[in-house]
Amino acid sequence: TNEESTGMLDLIYQALNADGYNTDSFANTLQTSVLKPTDQHTFLKGGYYYRSFHNGGLLILSLNTVIYSPFYESSSDDKIHDNSTNDNRPDNSDKMHDDDPRGQFTWLKIILSEARRNQSRAVIVGHISPSVGSFRHTQLWKTEYIQRYYEIVGQFNDVVMGQLFGHIHTDEFRLVDGADKRGMNDVVGNGGGGIVAVDTPILLGPSVTPLHGNDPSFRIVKYGHIISNGGSGDTQPSHNATIPSNRDGYYRLLDYDSYRCDIRDGNASWSKLYTFSEAYNDVISESLQKEGLSSATF
């Protein structure tokens, strides 16, 4: 459509898709395109897409979180009227409203539903987290979108194994349980309505840019299988992430390493800051072995 062939999303799609119609695309310099032709429908519609790994056993869902920010000014494109199913999935976008800009929440629920039917696991990634900032203690998403997001994710606790976000330039994690709900609701001011607990913590990655006085940092998250041992209920982690999905195990986030660059050092050298399992070994070693980076561990 005309809406999909113009604007910033189209420029980004062309730049990151070596198979696109722009032969001068930046992606032609890459070994592998970041975006693929199958991403065109949802990416041009709203900047979101997903990847499937290990024969469909693991899905990575990339959200466009900018559209949920209190600073984002909505436009007519946020209510695109489009019945096409170029990604071979119904998106019901003919009934799009303000509570679902660009149909992303509808799409999220559809993909997670398919993951459940296929006994797959999913990791949700995005830039701005559905939480409160560390410095100004203000909401990073609009209230109605925070509520809608947790309503969906809370319905798929058996599917969503990770939530990875950034934006705040610090290395943190957040739990969405009863205590955090009360803290969130103090800010939201809704008396506790609409925010549901989820089983997966939010991992907030640090920033490579030192814009806010932080050292350049990044995090490497490890995942693999939690393998069931017979019917005993005992589990053991497998760091071999090439194991195809099967009925005897399921994917979990297992651990993560955080790295930093000391920019005050004349050499500006990178070094490992910490490993989660080592830093918190005294309090979470047993649960980490059984559950990975789940709320039970945190």
C-alpha atoms as a PDB file:
ATOM      1  CA  THR A   1       0.000   0.000   0.000  1.00  0.00           C
ATOM      2  CA  ASN A   2       1.024   3.628  -0.256  1.00  0.00           C
ATOM      3  CA  GLU A   3       1.285   3.790   3.517  1.00  0.00           C
ATOM      4  CA  GLU A   4       3.718   0.875   3.539  1.00  0.00           C
ATOM      5  CA  SER A   5       5.957   2.238   0.765  1.00  0.00           C
ATOM      6  CA  THR A   6       6.763   5.553   2.435  1.00  0.00           C
ATOM      7  CA  GLY A   7       8.248   6.797   5.666  1.00  0.00           C
ATOM      8  CA  MET A   8      11.036   5.844   8.025  1.00  0.00           C
ATOM      9  CA  LEU A   9      10.044   2.172   8.341  1.00  0.00           C
ATOM     10  CA  ASP A  10      10.408   1.732   4.590  1.00  0.00           C
ATOM     11  CA  LEU A  11      13.872   3.322   4.653  1.00  0.00           C
ATOM     12  CA  ILE A  12      14.958   1.011   7.467  1.00  0.00           C
ATOM     13  CA  TYR A  13      13.499  -2.023   5.710  1.00  0.00           C
ATOM     14  CA  GLN A  14      15.368  -1.242   2.500  1.00  0.00           C
ATOM     15  CA  ALA A  15      18.612  -0.612   4.370  1.00  0.00           C
ATOM     16  CA  LEU A  16      18.480  -3.920   6.262  1.00  0.00           C
ATOM     17  CA  ASN A  17      17.061  -6.159   3.524  1.00  0.00           C
ATOM     18  CA  ALA A  18      19.615  -7.208   0.915  1.00  0.00           C
ATOM     19  CA  ASP A  19      16.823  -8.815  -1.125  1.00  0.00           C
ATOM     20  CA  GLY A  20      14.873  -5.550  -1.247  1.00  0.00           C
ATOM     21  CA  TYR A  21      14.290  -3.401  -4.273  1.00  0.00           C
ATOM     22  CA  ASN A  22      17.092  -0.955  -3.420  1.00  0.00           C
ATOM     23  CA  THR A  23      20.257  -2.386  -4.972  1.00  0.00           C
ATOM     24  CA  ASP A  24      22.362   0.169  -3.115  1.00  0.00           C
ATOM     25  CA  SER A  25      21.046  -1.130   0.179  1.00  0.00           C
ATOM     26  CA  PHE A  26      23.400  -1.091   3.150  1.00  0.00           C
ATOM     27  CA  ALA A  27      22.366  -4.718   3.700  1.00  0.00           C
ATOM     28  CA  ASN A  28      24.208  -5.727   0.541  1.00  0.00           C
ATOM     29  CA  THR A  29      27.417  -5.230   2.514  1.00  0.00           C
ATOM     30  CA  LEU A  30      26.260  -7.724   5.153  1.00  0.00           C
ATOM     31  CA  GLN A  31      26.784 -11.472   4.995  1.00  0.00           C
ATOM     32  CA  THR A  32      23.189 -12.034   6.054  1.00  0.00           C
ATOM     33  CA  SER A  33      20.288  -9.608   5.829  1.00  0.00           C
ATOM     34  CA  VAL A  34      18.885  -8.447   9.123  1.00  0.00           C
ATOM     35  CA  LEU A  35      15.405  -8.310   7.604  1.00  0.00           C
ATOM     36  CA  LYS A  36      13.908 -10.763   5.120  1.00  0.00           C
ATOM     37  CA  PRO A  37      11.144 -10.459   2.509  1.00  0.00           C
ATOM     38  CA  THR A  38       8.821 -12.368   4.865  1.00  0.00           C
ATOM     39  CA  ASP A  39       9.195  -9.531   7.382  1.00  0.00           C
ATOM     40  CA  GLN A  40       7.925  -6.903   4.967  1.00  0.00           C
ATOM     41  CA  HIS A  41       4.252  -6.936   5.921  1.00  0.00           C
ATOM     42  CA  THR A  42       4.597  -6.533   9.683  1.00  0.00           C
ATOM     43  CA  PHE A  43       7.768  -4.434   9.615  1.00  0.00           C
ATOM     44  CA  LEU A  44       6.386  -1.850   7.217  1.00  0.00           C
ATOM     45  CA  LYS A  45       3.118  -1.891   9.092  1.00  0.00           C
ATOM     46  CA  GLY A  46       4.618  -1.253  12.514  1.00  0.00           C
ATOM     47  CA  GLY A  47       8.322  -2.080  12.797  1.00  0.00           C
ATOM     48  CA  TYR A  48       7.842  -5.537  14.353  1.00  0.00           C
ATOM     49  CA  TYR A  49       8.790  -9.046  13.235  1.00  0.00           C
ATOM     50  CA  TYR A  50       9.929 -12.421  14.584  1.00  0.00           C
ATOM     51  CA  ARG A  51      12.488 -15.144  13.971  1.00  0.00           C
ATOM     52  CA  SER A  52      12.125 -18.895  14.353  1.00  0.00           C
ATOM     53  CA  PHE A  53      15.019 -21.106  15.477  1.00  0.00           C
ATOM     54  CA  HIS A  54      15.615 -24.803  16.131  1.00  0.00           C
ATOM     55  CA  ASN A  55      12.832 -26.094  13.880  1.00  0.00           C
ATOM     56  CA  GLY A  56      10.338 -23.722  15.440  1.00  0.00           C
ATOM     57  CA  GLY A  57      11.213 -24.682  19.001  1.00  0.00           C
ATOM     58  CA  LEU A  58      12.281 -21.131  19.835  1.00  0.00           C
ATOM     59  CA  LEU A  59      10.814 -17.821  18.619  1.00  0.00           C
ATOM     60  CA  ILE A  60      12.349 -14.366  19.054  1.00  0.00           C
ATOM     61  CA  LEU A  61       9.706 -11.630  18.829  1.00  0.00           C
ATOM     62  CA  SER A  62      11.017  -8.113  18.196  1.00  0.00           C
ATOM     63  CA  LEU A  63       8.584  -5.385  19.265  1.00  0.00           C
ATOM     64  CA  ASN A  64       8.468  -1.732  18.256  1.00  0.00           C
ATOM     65  CA  THR A  65       8.137  -0.145  21.697  1.00  0.00           C
ATOM     66  CA  VAL A  66       8.509   3.474  20.587  1.00  0.00           C
ATOM     67  CA  ILE A  67       4.793   3.605  19.719  1.00  0.00           C
ATOM     68  CA  TYR A  68       3.910   2.963  23.385  1.00  0.00           C
ATOM     69  CA  SER A  69       6.027   5.798  24.815  1.00  0.00           C
ATOM     70  CA  PRO A  70       4.262   8.763  26.475  1.00  0.00           C
ATOM     71  CA  PHE A  71       6.402  10.976  24.216  1.00  0.00           C
ATOM     72  CA  TYR A  72       5.238   9.325  21.002  1.00  0.00           C
ATOM     73  CA  GLU A  73       2.752  11.350  18.974  1.00  0.00           C
ATOM     74  CA  SER A  74       0.364   9.007  17.189  1.00  0.00           C
ATOM     75  CA  SER A  75      -0.578   9.465  13.557  1.00  0.00           C
ATOM     76  CA  SER A  76      -3.058   8.022  11.094  1.00  0.00           C
ATOM     77  CA  ASP A  77      -0.539   5.257  10.316  1.00  0.00           C
ATOM     78  CA  ASP A  78      -1.100   3.875  13.825  1.00  0.00           C
ATOM     79  CA  LYS A  79      -4.620   2.883  12.734  1.00  0.00           C
ATOM     80  CA  ILE A  80      -3.821   1.344   9.343  1.00  0.00           C
ATOM     81  CA  HIS A  81      -6.883  -0.344   7.832  1.00  0.00           C
ATOM     82  CA  ASP A  82      -5.412  -3.422   6.185  1.00  0.00           C
ATOM     83  CA  ASN A  83      -6.884  -6.912   5.769  1.00  0.00           C
ATOM     84  CA  SER A  84      -3.865  -8.400   3.975  1.00  0.00           C
ATOM     85  CA  THR A  85      -2.249 -11.547   5.389  1.00  0.00           C
ATOM     86  CA  ASN A  86       1.104 -11.463   3.619  1.00  0.00           C
ATOM     87  CA  ASP A  87       2.658 -13.198   6.598  1.00  0.00           C
ATOM     88  CA  ASN A  88       0.059 -15.986   6.280  1.00  0.00           C
ATOM     89  CA  ARG A  89      -1.570 -15.001   9.566  1.00  0.00           C
ATOM     90  CA  PRO A  90      -4.862 -13.212  10.170  1.00  0.00           C
ATOM     91  CA  ASP A  91      -4.257  -9.968  12.044  1.00  0.00           C
ATOM     92  CA  ASN A  92      -7.823  -8.623  12.383  1.00  0.00           C
ATOM     93  CA  SER A  93      -6.421  -5.171  11.648  1.00  0.00           C
ATOM     94  CA  ASP A  94      -9.713  -4.109  10.081  1.00  0.00           C
ATOM     95  CA  LYS A  95     -10.802  -3.410  13.680  1.00  0.00           C
ATOM     96  CA  MET A  96      -7.714  -1.565  14.842  1.00  0.00           C
ATOM     97  CA  HIS A  97      -8.182   0.949  17.660  1.00  0.00           C
ATOM     98  CA  ASP A  98      -6.106   3.242  19.844  1.00  0.00           C
ATOM     99  CA  ASP A  99      -5.467   0.415  22.315  1.00  0.00           C
ATOM    100  CA  ASP A 100      -3.537  -1.495  19.644  1.00  0.00           C
ATOM    101  CA  PRO A 101      -1.437   0.897  17.529  1.00  0.00           C
ATOM    102  CA  ARG A 102      -0.336  -0.710  14.265  1.00  0.00           C
ATOM    103  CA  GLY A 103      -1.890  -4.015  15.331  1.00  0.00           C
ATOM    104  CA  GLN A 104       1.172  -5.104  17.271  1.00  0.00           C
ATOM    105  CA  PHE A 105      -0.651  -6.471  20.323  1.00  0.00           C
ATOM    106  CA  THR A 106      -2.973  -8.523  18.113  1.00  0.00           C
ATOM    107  CA  TRP A 107       0.027  -9.899  16.251  1.00  0.00           C
ATOM    108  CA  LEU A 108       1.828 -10.684  19.526  1.00  0.00           C
ATOM    109  CA  LYS A 109      -1.108 -12.694  20.809  1.00  0.00           C
ATOM    110  CA  ILE A 110      -1.431 -14.602  17.524  1.00  0.00           C
ATOM    111  CA  ILE A 111       2.253 -15.581  17.444  1.00  0.00           C
ATOM    112  CA  LEU A 112       2.258 -16.639  21.106  1.00  0.00           C
ATOM    113  CA  SER A 113      -0.895 -18.706  20.528  1.00  0.00           C
ATOM    114  CA  GLU A 114       0.796 -20.508  17.651  1.00  0.00           C
ATOM    115  CA  ALA A 115       3.877 -21.062  19.802  1.00  0.00           C
ATOM    116  CA  ARG A 116       1.714 -22.709  22.463  1.00  0.00           C
ATOM    117  CA  ARG A 117       0.057 -25.002  19.919  1.00  0.00           C
ATOM    118  CA  ASN A 118       3.503 -26.009  18.642  1.00  0.00           C
ATOM    119  CA  GLN A 119       4.905 -26.428  22.168  1.00  0.00           C
ATOM    120  CA  SER A 120       7.498 -23.746  21.417  1.00  0.00           C
ATOM    121  CA  ARG A 121       9.054 -21.123  23.667  1.00  0.00           C
ATOM    122  CA  ALA A 122       9.372 -17.407  22.957  1.00  0.00           C
ATOM    123  CA  VAL A 123      11.621 -14.508  23.911  1.00  0.00           C
ATOM    124  CA  ILE A 124      10.256 -10.975  23.611  1.00  0.00           C
ATOM    125  CA  VAL A 125      12.780  -8.239  22.836  1.00  0.00           C
ATOM    126  CA  GLY A 126      12.364  -4.482  22.545  1.00  0.00           C
ATOM    127  CA  HIS A 127      14.006  -1.170  23.328  1.00  0.00           C
ATOM    128  CA  ILE A 128      11.792   0.526  25.945  1.00  0.00           C
ATOM    129  CA  SER A 129      10.576  -1.744  28.742  1.00  0.00           C
ATOM    130  CA  PRO A 130       6.971  -1.754  30.043  1.00  0.00           C
ATOM    131  CA  SER A 131       8.040  -0.478  33.442  1.00  0.00           C
ATOM    132  CA  VAL A 132       9.182   2.572  35.392  1.00  0.00           C
ATOM    133  CA  GLY A 133      12.409   4.466  34.779  1.00  0.00           C
ATOM    134  CA  SER A 134      15.281   4.194  37.248  1.00  0.00           C
ATOM    135  CA  PHE A 135      16.018   7.900  37.487  1.00  0.00           C
ATOM    136  CA  ARG A 136      12.828   9.933  37.139  1.00  0.00           C
ATOM    137  CA  HIS A 137      10.630   7.029  38.330  1.00  0.00           C
ATOM    138  CA  THR A 138       8.068   7.751  35.634  1.00  0.00           C
ATOM    139  CA  GLN A 139       6.288   5.297  33.358  1.00  0.00           C
ATOM    140  CA  LEU A 140       8.140   4.395  30.190  1.00  0.00           C
ATOM    141  CA  TRP A 141       4.924   3.261  28.422  1.00  0.00           C
ATOM    142  CA  LYS A 142       1.460   4.772  28.482  1.00  0.00           C
ATOM    143  CA  THR A 143      -0.767   3.176  31.109  1.00  0.00           C
ATOM    144  CA  GLU A 144      -3.171   1.469  28.735  1.00  0.00           C
ATOM    145  CA  TYR A 145      -0.302  -0.177  26.845  1.00  0.00           C
ATOM    146  CA  ILE A 146       1.404  -1.429  30.005  1.00  0.00           C
ATOM    147  CA  GLN A 147      -1.875  -3.027  31.042  1.00  0.00           C
ATOM    148  CA  ARG A 148      -2.501  -4.555  27.624  1.00  0.00           C
ATOM    149  CA  TYR A 149       1.020  -5.948  27.350  1.00  0.00           C
ATOM    150  CA  TYR A 150       0.977  -7.695  30.724  1.00  0.00           C
ATOM    151  CA  GLU A 151      -2.527  -8.967  30.087  1.00  0.00           C
ATOM    152  CA  ILE A 152      -1.223 -10.760  26.993  1.00  0.00           C
ATOM    153  CA  VAL A 153       2.090 -11.978  28.417  1.00  0.00           C
ATOM    154  CA  GLY A 154       0.342 -13.157  31.582  1.00  0.00           C
ATOM    155  CA  GLN A 155      -1.839 -15.428  29.447  1.00  0.00           C
ATOM    156  CA  PHE A 156       1.270 -17.090  28.007  1.00  0.00           C
ATOM    157  CA  ASN A 157       3.450 -17.745  31.061  1.00  0.00           C
ATOM    158  CA  ASP A 158       3.976 -21.257  29.704  1.00  0.00           C
ATOM    159  CA  VAL A 159       5.352 -19.866  26.430  1.00  0.00           C
ATOM    160  CA  VAL A 160       7.305 -16.680  27.199  1.00  0.00           C
ATOM    161  CA  MET A 161      10.710 -17.605  28.618  1.00  0.00           C
ATOM    162  CA  GLY A 162      12.375 -14.198  28.424  1.00  0.00           C
ATOM    163  CA  GLN A 163      11.790 -10.442  28.150  1.00  0.00           C
ATOM    164  CA  LEU A 164      14.842  -8.463  27.060  1.00  0.00           C
ATOM    165  CA  PHE A 165      14.771  -4.663  26.964  1.00  0.00           C
ATOM    166  CA  GLY A 166      17.129  -1.708  27.333  1.00  0.00           C
ATOM    167  CA  HIS A 167      16.714   2.078  27.110  1.00  0.00           C
ATOM    168  CA  ILE A 168      17.645   3.059  30.672  1.00  0.00           C
ATOM    169  CA  HIS A 169      21.430   2.628  30.170  1.00  0.00           C
ATOM    170  CA  THR A 170      21.878   0.531  33.321  1.00  0.00           C
ATOM    171  CA  ASP A 171      22.295  -3.175  34.031  1.00  0.00           C
ATOM    172  CA  GLU A 172      19.136  -4.234  35.878  1.00  0.00           C
ATOM    173  CA  PHE A 173      16.381  -6.794  36.145  1.00  0.00           C
ATOM    174  CA  ARG A 174      12.742  -6.326  37.117  1.00  0.00           C
ATOM    175  CA  LEU A 175      10.142  -8.697  38.561  1.00  0.00           C
ATOM    176  CA  VAL A 176       6.463  -8.282  37.792  1.00  0.00           C
ATOM    177  CA  ASP A 177       5.049  -9.894  40.920  1.00  0.00           C
ATOM    178  CA  GLY A 178       2.773  -8.629  43.668  1.00  0.00           C
ATOM    179  CA  ALA A 179       5.282  -6.229  45.201  1.00  0.00           C
ATOM    180  CA  ASP A 180       6.282  -4.767  41.842  1.00  0.00           C
ATOM    181  CA  LYS A 181       2.655  -4.496  40.836  1.00  0.00           C
ATOM    182  CA  ARG A 182       2.014  -2.324  43.863  1.00  0.00           C
ATOM    183  CA  GLY A 183       4.980  -0.149  42.989  1.00  0.00           C
ATOM    184  CA  MET A 184       3.841   0.098  39.402  1.00  0.00           C
ATOM    185  CA  ASN A 185       0.282   0.894  40.393  1.00  0.00           C
ATOM    186  CA  ASP A 186       1.456   3.695  42.669  1.00  0.00           C
ATOM    187  CA  VAL A 187       2.804   5.328  39.534  1.00  0.00           C
ATOM    188  CA  VAL A 188      -0.008   4.249  37.238  1.00  0.00           C
ATOM    189  CA  GLY A 189      -2.565   5.380  39.786  1.00  0.00           C
ATOM    190  CA  ASN A 190      -5.082   2.720  38.895  1.00  0.00           C
ATOM    191  CA  GLY A 191      -5.431   1.041  42.287  1.00  0.00           C
ATOM    192  CA  GLY A 192      -4.124  -2.291  41.068  1.00  0.00           C
ATOM    193  CA  GLY A 193      -6.419  -2.896  38.123  1.00  0.00           C
ATOM    194  CA  GLY A 194      -5.112  -4.229  34.857  1.00  0.00           C
ATOM    195  CA  ILE A 195      -1.550  -5.214  35.812  1.00  0.00           C
ATOM    196  CA  VAL A 196      -1.127  -8.984  36.064  1.00  0.00           C
ATOM    197  CA  ALA A 197       1.858 -10.923  37.376  1.00  0.00           C
ATOM    198  CA  VAL A 198       4.074 -12.737  34.886  1.00  0.00           C
ATOM    199  CA  ASP A 199       6.460 -15.627  35.495  1.00  0.00           C
ATOM    200  CA  THR A 200       9.344 -14.207  33.477  1.00  0.00           C
ATOM    201  CA  PRO A 201      11.534 -11.376  34.807  1.00  0.00           C
ATOM    202  CA  ILE A 202      12.438  -8.415  32.616  1.00  0.00           C
ATOM    203  CA  LEU A 203      16.174  -8.253  31.916  1.00  0.00           C
ATOM    204  CA  LEU A 204      17.299  -4.694  31.224  1.00  0.00           C
ATOM    205  CA  GLY A 205      20.532  -4.530  29.289  1.00  0.00           C
ATOM    206  CA  PRO A 206      23.046  -1.706  29.699  1.00  0.00           C
ATOM    207  CA  SER A 207      24.078   0.712  26.957  1.00  0.00           C
ATOM    208  CA  VAL A 208      27.068   0.788  24.619  1.00  0.00           C
ATOM    209  CA  THR A 209      26.876   4.574  24.440  1.00  0.00           C
ATOM    210  CA  PRO A 210      28.160   6.517  27.504  1.00  0.00           C
ATOM    211  CA  LEU A 211      25.593   9.250  26.893  1.00  0.00           C
ATOM    212  CA  HIS A 212      24.396   9.371  30.519  1.00  0.00           C
ATOM    213  CA  GLY A 213      27.749   8.957  32.227  1.00  0.00           C
ATOM    214  CA  ASN A 214      27.750   5.161  32.225  1.00  0.00           C
ATOM    215  CA  ASP A 215      30.580   2.971  31.001  1.00  0.00           C
ATOM    216  CA  PRO A 216      29.871   1.343  27.616  1.00  0.00           C
ATOM    217  CA  SER A 217      28.437  -2.082  28.465  1.00  0.00           C
ATOM    218  CA  PHE A 218      26.615  -5.008  26.949  1.00  0.00           C
ATOM    219  CA  ARG A 219      25.169  -8.325  28.059  1.00  0.00           C
ATOM    220  CA  ILE A 220      25.375 -11.799  26.521  1.00  0.00           C
ATOM    221  CA  VAL A 221      22.384 -13.958  27.447  1.00  0.00           C
ATOM    222  CA  LYS A 222      22.770 -17.746  27.309  1.00  0.00           C
ATOM    223  CA  TYR A 223      19.958 -20.142  26.590  1.00  0.00           C
ATOM    224  CA  GLY A 224      19.480 -23.871  26.198  1.00  0.00           C
ATOM    225  CA  HIS A 225      17.327 -26.798  27.219  1.00  0.00           C
ATOM    226  CA  ILE A 226      16.080 -27.699  30.637  1.00  0.00           C
ATOM    227  CA  ILE A 227      15.949 -31.486  30.299  1.00  0.00           C
ATOM    228  CA  SER A 228      13.443 -33.504  32.314  1.00  0.00           C
ATOM    229  CA  ASN A 229      14.766 -36.621  34.052  1.00  0.00           C
ATOM    230  CA  GLY A 230      12.085 -39.236  33.742  1.00  0.00           C
ATOM    231  CA  GLY A 231       9.016 -38.327  35.747  1.00  0.00           C
ATOM    232  CA  SER A 232      10.869 -37.237  38.844  1.00  0.00           C
ATOM    233  CA  GLY A 233      10.416 -33.561  38.202  1.00  0.00           C
ATOM    234  CA  ASP A 234      14.179 -33.008  38.423  1.00  0.00           C
ATOM    235  CA  THR A 235      15.746 -30.996  35.634  1.00  0.00           C
ATOM    236  CA  GLN A 236      19.189 -30.218  34.371  1.00  0.00           C
ATOM    237  CA  PRO A 237      20.286 -27.404  32.056  1.00  0.00           C
ATOM    238  CA  SER A 238      21.907 -28.067  28.708  1.00  0.00           C
ATOM    239  CA  HIS A 239      23.984 -25.245  27.237  1.00  0.00           C
ATOM    240  CA  ASN A 240      23.933 -26.927  23.821  1.00  0.00           C
ATOM    241  CA  ALA A 241      21.590 -24.533  22.052  1.00  0.00           C
ATOM    242  CA  THR A 242      21.647 -26.602  18.850  1.00  0.00           C
ATOM    243  CA  ILE A 243      19.431 -29.325  20.300  1.00  0.00           C
ATOM    244  CA  PRO A 244      16.154 -29.353  18.358  1.00  0.00           C
ATOM    245  CA  SER A 245      12.963 -28.802  20.332  1.00  0.00           C
ATOM    246  CA  ASN A 246      11.406 -32.014  21.605  1.00  0.00           C
ATOM    247  CA  ARG A 247       8.865 -33.266  24.124  1.00  0.00           C
ATOM    248  CA  ASP A 248      11.547 -34.179  26.697  1.00  0.00           C
ATOM    249  CA  GLY A 249      12.834 -30.674  27.306  1.00  0.00           C
ATOM    250  CA  TYR A 250      12.109 -27.007  26.874  1.00  0.00           C
ATOM    251  CA  TYR A 251      14.120 -23.894  26.264  1.00  0.00           C
ATOM    252  CA  ARG A 252      15.008 -21.493  29.053  1.00  0.00           C
ATOM    253  CA  LEU A 253      17.305 -18.541  29.516  1.00  0.00           C
ATOM    254  CA  LEU A 254      20.108 -20.067  31.581  1.00  0.00           C
ATOM    255  CA  ASP A 255      22.531 -17.306  32.507  1.00  0.00           C
ATOM    256  CA  TYR A 256      24.106 -14.077  31.318  1.00  0.00           C
ATOM    257  CA  ASP A 257      27.474 -12.315  31.267  1.00  0.00           C
ATOM    258  CA  SER A 258      27.807  -8.528  31.513  1.00  0.00           C
ATOM    259  CA  TYR A 259      30.799  -6.746  29.970  1.00  0.00           C
ATOM    260  CA  ARG A 260      32.022  -3.185  30.362  1.00  0.00           C
ATOM    261  CA  CYS A 261      34.602  -0.867  28.835  1.00  0.00           C
ATOM    262  CA  ASP A 262      36.436   1.400  31.247  1.00  0.00           C
ATOM    263  CA  ILE A 263      36.547   4.628  29.235  1.00  0.00           C
ATOM    264  CA  ARG A 264      38.593   6.261  31.975  1.00  0.00           C
ATOM    265  CA  ASP A 265      41.344   3.793  31.203  1.00  0.00           C
ATOM    266  CA  GLY A 266      43.691   5.079  28.518  1.00  0.00           C
ATOM    267  CA  ASN A 267      43.414   1.728  26.733  1.00  0.00           C
ATOM    268  CA  ALA A 268      39.600   1.687  26.864  1.00  0.00           C
ATOM    269  CA  SER A 269      39.722  -2.083  27.333  1.00  0.00           C
ATOM    270  CA  TRP A 270      36.733  -4.410  27.603  1.00  0.00           C
ATOM    271  CA  SER A 271      36.387  -6.859  30.482  1.00  0.00           C
ATOM    272  CA  LYS A 272      33.723  -9.064  31.992  1.00  0.00           C
ATOM    273  CA  LEU A 273      31.915  -7.296  34.800  1.00  0.00           C
ATOM    274  CA  TYR A 274      30.078 -10.316  36.211  1.00  0.00           C
ATOM    275  CA  THR A 275      28.203 -13.531  35.434  1.00  0.00           C
ATOM    276  CA  PHE A 276      24.733 -13.747  36.944  1.00  0.00           C
ATOM    277  CA  SER A 277      25.089 -17.326  38.247  1.00  0.00           C
ATOM    278  CA  GLU A 278      28.411 -16.494  39.908  1.00  0.00           C
ATOM    279  CA  ALA A 279      27.330 -13.186  41.431  1.00  0.00           C
ATOM    280  CA  TYR A 280      24.171 -14.673  42.995  1.00  0.00           C
ATOM    281  CA  ASN A 281      25.362 -18.251  43.475  1.00  0.00           C
ATOM    282  CA  ASP A 282      24.826 -18.290  47.239  1.00  0.00           C
ATOM    283  CA  VAL A 283      21.101 -17.623  46.952  1.00  0.00           C
ATOM    284  CA  ILE A 284      19.915 -18.986  43.605  1.00  0.00           C
ATOM    285  CA  SER A 285      22.151 -21.880  42.529  1.00  0.00           C
ATOM    286  CA  GLU A 286      19.569 -24.667  43.017  1.00  0.00           C
ATOM    287  CA  SER A 287      16.634 -22.828  41.459  1.00  0.00           C
ATOM    288  CA  LEU A 288      18.794 -21.625  38.553  1.00  0.00           C
ATOM    289  CA  GLN A 289      19.708 -25.218  37.759  1.00  0.00           C
ATOM    290  CA  LYS A 290      16.045 -26.239  37.724  1.00  0.00           C
ATOM    291  CA  GLU A 291      14.287 -23.207  36.295  1.00  0.00           C
ATOM    292  CA  GLY A 292      16.849 -21.062  34.510  1.00  0.00           C
ATOM    293  CA  LEU A 293      16.287 -17.298  34.634  1.00  0.00           C
ATOM    294  CA  SER A 294      12.650 -17.502  35.714  1.00  0.00           C
ATOM    295  CA  SER A 295      10.790 -15.687  38.473  1.00  0.00           C
ATOM    296  CA  ALA A 296      11.365 -18.731  40.683  1.00  0.00           C
ATOM    297  CA  THR A 297      15.095 -17.964  40.516  1.00  0.00           C
ATOM    298  CA  PHE A 298      14.780 -14.244  41.128  1.00  0.00           C
END
